[in-house]
Amino acid sequence: MGVIATNNREINLYYNAETNKGMQTLAYVQSSKKKVLDVDLSKTKVTGTQWTELAKRLGKPIKELINTEHPDFINDYGKNHNLQSDEDWLKVLENNPKVVTQPILVQGDKAVQIDTPSEVMVFLEEEDQS
């Protein structure tokens, strides 16, 4: 069992309220009939352990959660960064969560990254059918 508590009747959304994509995704999720636990990354600190668990649930390396083209990332680490270890990438996420590529939706043992907010509706429809 991981450190992130989940169940099939609740949706956990990790998003940045300072972005349009984050706020639109939140609106879609809140329109569902399920209970929503929203984690605004601009206000809530997510631990390295939680980031590691999210990456594992998504089936991705930690570095793929980070938008290396984000202006804040480039400003802090440069275009030719020298980040190699998972610990380096975790420090980026812990210190500057604005660079997260896109909102992350977790329900039960499923996790998805949301490219466009309307994808939430597809996810919710799939859940209703199962």
Protein backbone atom coordinates (compact mmCIF):
# COMPACT_ATOMS: atom_id res chain seq x y z
CA MET A 1 0.00 0.00 0.00
CA GLY A 2 1.31 3.43 -0.91
CA VAL A 3 1.35 6.69 0.96
CA ILE A 4 -1.40 8.17 -1.21
CA ALA A 5 -4.78 7.03 0.11
CA THR A 6 -7.22 6.30 -2.69
CA ASN A 7 -10.45 4.47 -3.32
CA ASN A 8 -12.72 3.88 -6.30
CA ARG A 9 -15.37 6.35 -5.12
CA GLU A 10 -12.94 9.26 -4.78
CA ILE A 11 -10.84 11.15 -7.30
CA ASN A 12 -7.52 12.70 -6.31
CA LEU A 13 -6.47 15.52 -8.62
CA TYR A 14 -2.98 16.99 -8.52
CA TYR A 15 -3.05 20.26 -10.45
CA ASN A 16 -1.79 23.83 -10.51
CA ALA A 17 -4.54 26.40 -9.91
CA GLU A 18 -2.37 29.05 -11.54
CA THR A 19 -2.87 27.45 -14.96
CA ASN A 20 -5.94 27.39 -17.20
CA LYS A 21 -5.48 23.66 -17.81
CA GLY A 22 -5.42 22.99 -14.07
CA MET A 23 -8.55 25.01 -13.34
CA GLN A 24 -10.49 23.57 -16.30
CA THR A 25 -9.51 20.04 -15.28
CA LEU A 26 -10.69 20.75 -11.72
CA ALA A 27 -14.05 21.97 -13.05
CA TYR A 28 -14.54 18.77 -15.07
CA VAL A 29 -13.62 16.59 -12.10
CA GLN A 30 -15.94 18.50 -9.77
CA SER A 31 -18.81 17.96 -12.22
CA SER A 32 -18.60 14.21 -11.56
CA LYS A 33 -20.68 12.46 -8.93
CA LYS A 34 -17.58 11.25 -7.15
CA LYS A 35 -15.95 12.83 -4.12
CA VAL A 36 -12.96 14.95 -5.13
CA LEU A 37 -9.74 15.52 -3.21
CA ASP A 38 -8.01 18.32 -5.07
CA VAL A 39 -4.35 19.05 -4.39
CA ASP A 40 -3.35 22.48 -5.67
CA LEU A 41 0.40 22.18 -6.30
CA SER A 42 0.79 25.96 -6.06
CA LYS A 43 -0.31 25.79 -2.39
CA THR A 44 0.25 22.24 -1.15
CA LYS A 45 3.66 20.62 -0.78
CA VAL A 46 3.82 17.10 -2.20
CA THR A 47 6.61 14.97 -0.74
CA GLY A 48 9.27 13.12 -2.70
CA THR A 49 7.68 9.84 -1.62
CA GLN A 50 4.31 10.96 -3.01
CA TRP A 51 5.89 12.10 -6.31
CA THR A 52 7.63 8.74 -6.58
CA GLU A 53 4.35 6.91 -6.02
CA LEU A 54 2.54 9.08 -8.59
CA ALA A 55 5.25 8.37 -11.18
CA LYS A 56 5.02 4.61 -10.48
CA ARG A 57 1.22 4.64 -10.81
CA LEU A 58 1.61 6.45 -14.13
CA GLY A 59 4.30 4.00 -15.25
CA LYS A 60 6.73 6.82 -15.99
CA PRO A 61 10.14 7.93 -14.73
CA ILE A 62 9.98 10.91 -12.40
CA LYS A 63 11.66 13.20 -14.93
CA GLU A 64 8.73 12.74 -17.33
CA LEU A 65 6.47 14.55 -14.85
CA ILE A 66 8.50 17.72 -15.45
CA ASN A 67 8.12 20.19 -18.30
CA THR A 68 11.75 21.03 -19.07
CA GLU A 69 10.51 23.75 -21.47
CA HIS A 70 8.71 25.61 -18.66
CA PRO A 71 10.21 29.10 -18.18
CA ASP A 72 10.73 28.50 -14.45
CA PHE A 73 12.64 25.28 -15.16
CA ILE A 74 14.84 26.94 -17.78
CA ASN A 75 15.44 29.91 -15.47
CA ASP A 76 16.53 27.66 -12.57
CA TYR A 77 18.32 24.84 -14.42
CA GLY A 78 19.03 26.09 -17.95
CA LYS A 79 18.28 24.50 -21.30
CA ASN A 80 21.30 22.22 -20.94
CA HIS A 81 20.63 21.02 -17.40
CA ASN A 82 22.73 18.33 -15.76
CA LEU A 83 20.00 16.53 -13.81
CA GLN A 84 20.45 12.78 -13.94
CA SER A 85 19.28 10.97 -10.81
CA ASP A 86 15.71 10.54 -9.57
CA GLU A 87 16.77 12.48 -6.47
CA ASP A 88 17.70 15.48 -8.68
CA TRP A 89 14.30 15.37 -10.41
CA LEU A 90 12.48 14.98 -7.08
CA LYS A 91 14.20 18.12 -5.77
CA VAL A 92 12.92 19.99 -8.83
CA LEU A 93 9.35 18.83 -8.13
CA GLU A 94 9.55 19.55 -4.41
CA ASN A 95 11.04 23.02 -4.89
CA ASN A 96 9.15 24.14 -7.98
CA PRO A 97 5.89 22.22 -8.57
CA LYS A 98 4.87 24.74 -11.26
CA VAL A 99 6.98 22.74 -13.70
CA VAL A 100 4.72 19.67 -13.53
CA THR A 101 3.77 18.82 -17.11
CA GLN A 102 0.02 18.44 -16.60
CA PRO A 103 -2.65 17.61 -14.01
CA ILE A 104 -2.59 14.09 -12.60
CA LEU A 105 -5.83 12.30 -11.84
CA VAL A 106 -5.81 9.29 -9.47
CA GLN A 107 -8.73 7.01 -8.72
CA GLY A 108 -8.28 3.70 -6.96
CA ASP A 109 -5.23 2.08 -8.48
CA LYS A 110 -5.50 4.02 -11.78
CA ALA A 111 -3.63 7.21 -12.58
CA VAL A 112 -3.58 9.35 -15.74
CA GLN A 113 -2.01 12.59 -16.80
CA ILE A 114 -4.50 14.99 -18.36
CA ASP A 115 -3.35 16.58 -21.63
CA THR A 116 -6.63 18.36 -22.30
CA PRO A 117 -9.27 18.95 -19.62
CA SER A 118 -11.99 17.24 -21.67
CA GLU A 119 -10.06 13.94 -21.25
CA VAL A 120 -11.49 13.85 -17.74
CA MET A 121 -14.92 13.14 -19.21
CA VAL A 122 -13.57 10.12 -21.12
CA PHE A 123 -11.94 8.83 -17.94
CA LEU A 124 -15.15 9.30 -15.95
CA GLU A 125 -17.25 7.58 -18.64
CA GLU A 126 -14.89 4.59 -18.62
CA GLU A 127 -15.21 4.38 -14.84
CA ASP A 128 -19.01 4.51 -15.00
CA GLN A 129 -19.06 1.61 -17.47
CA SER A 130 -16.79 -0.65 -15.42
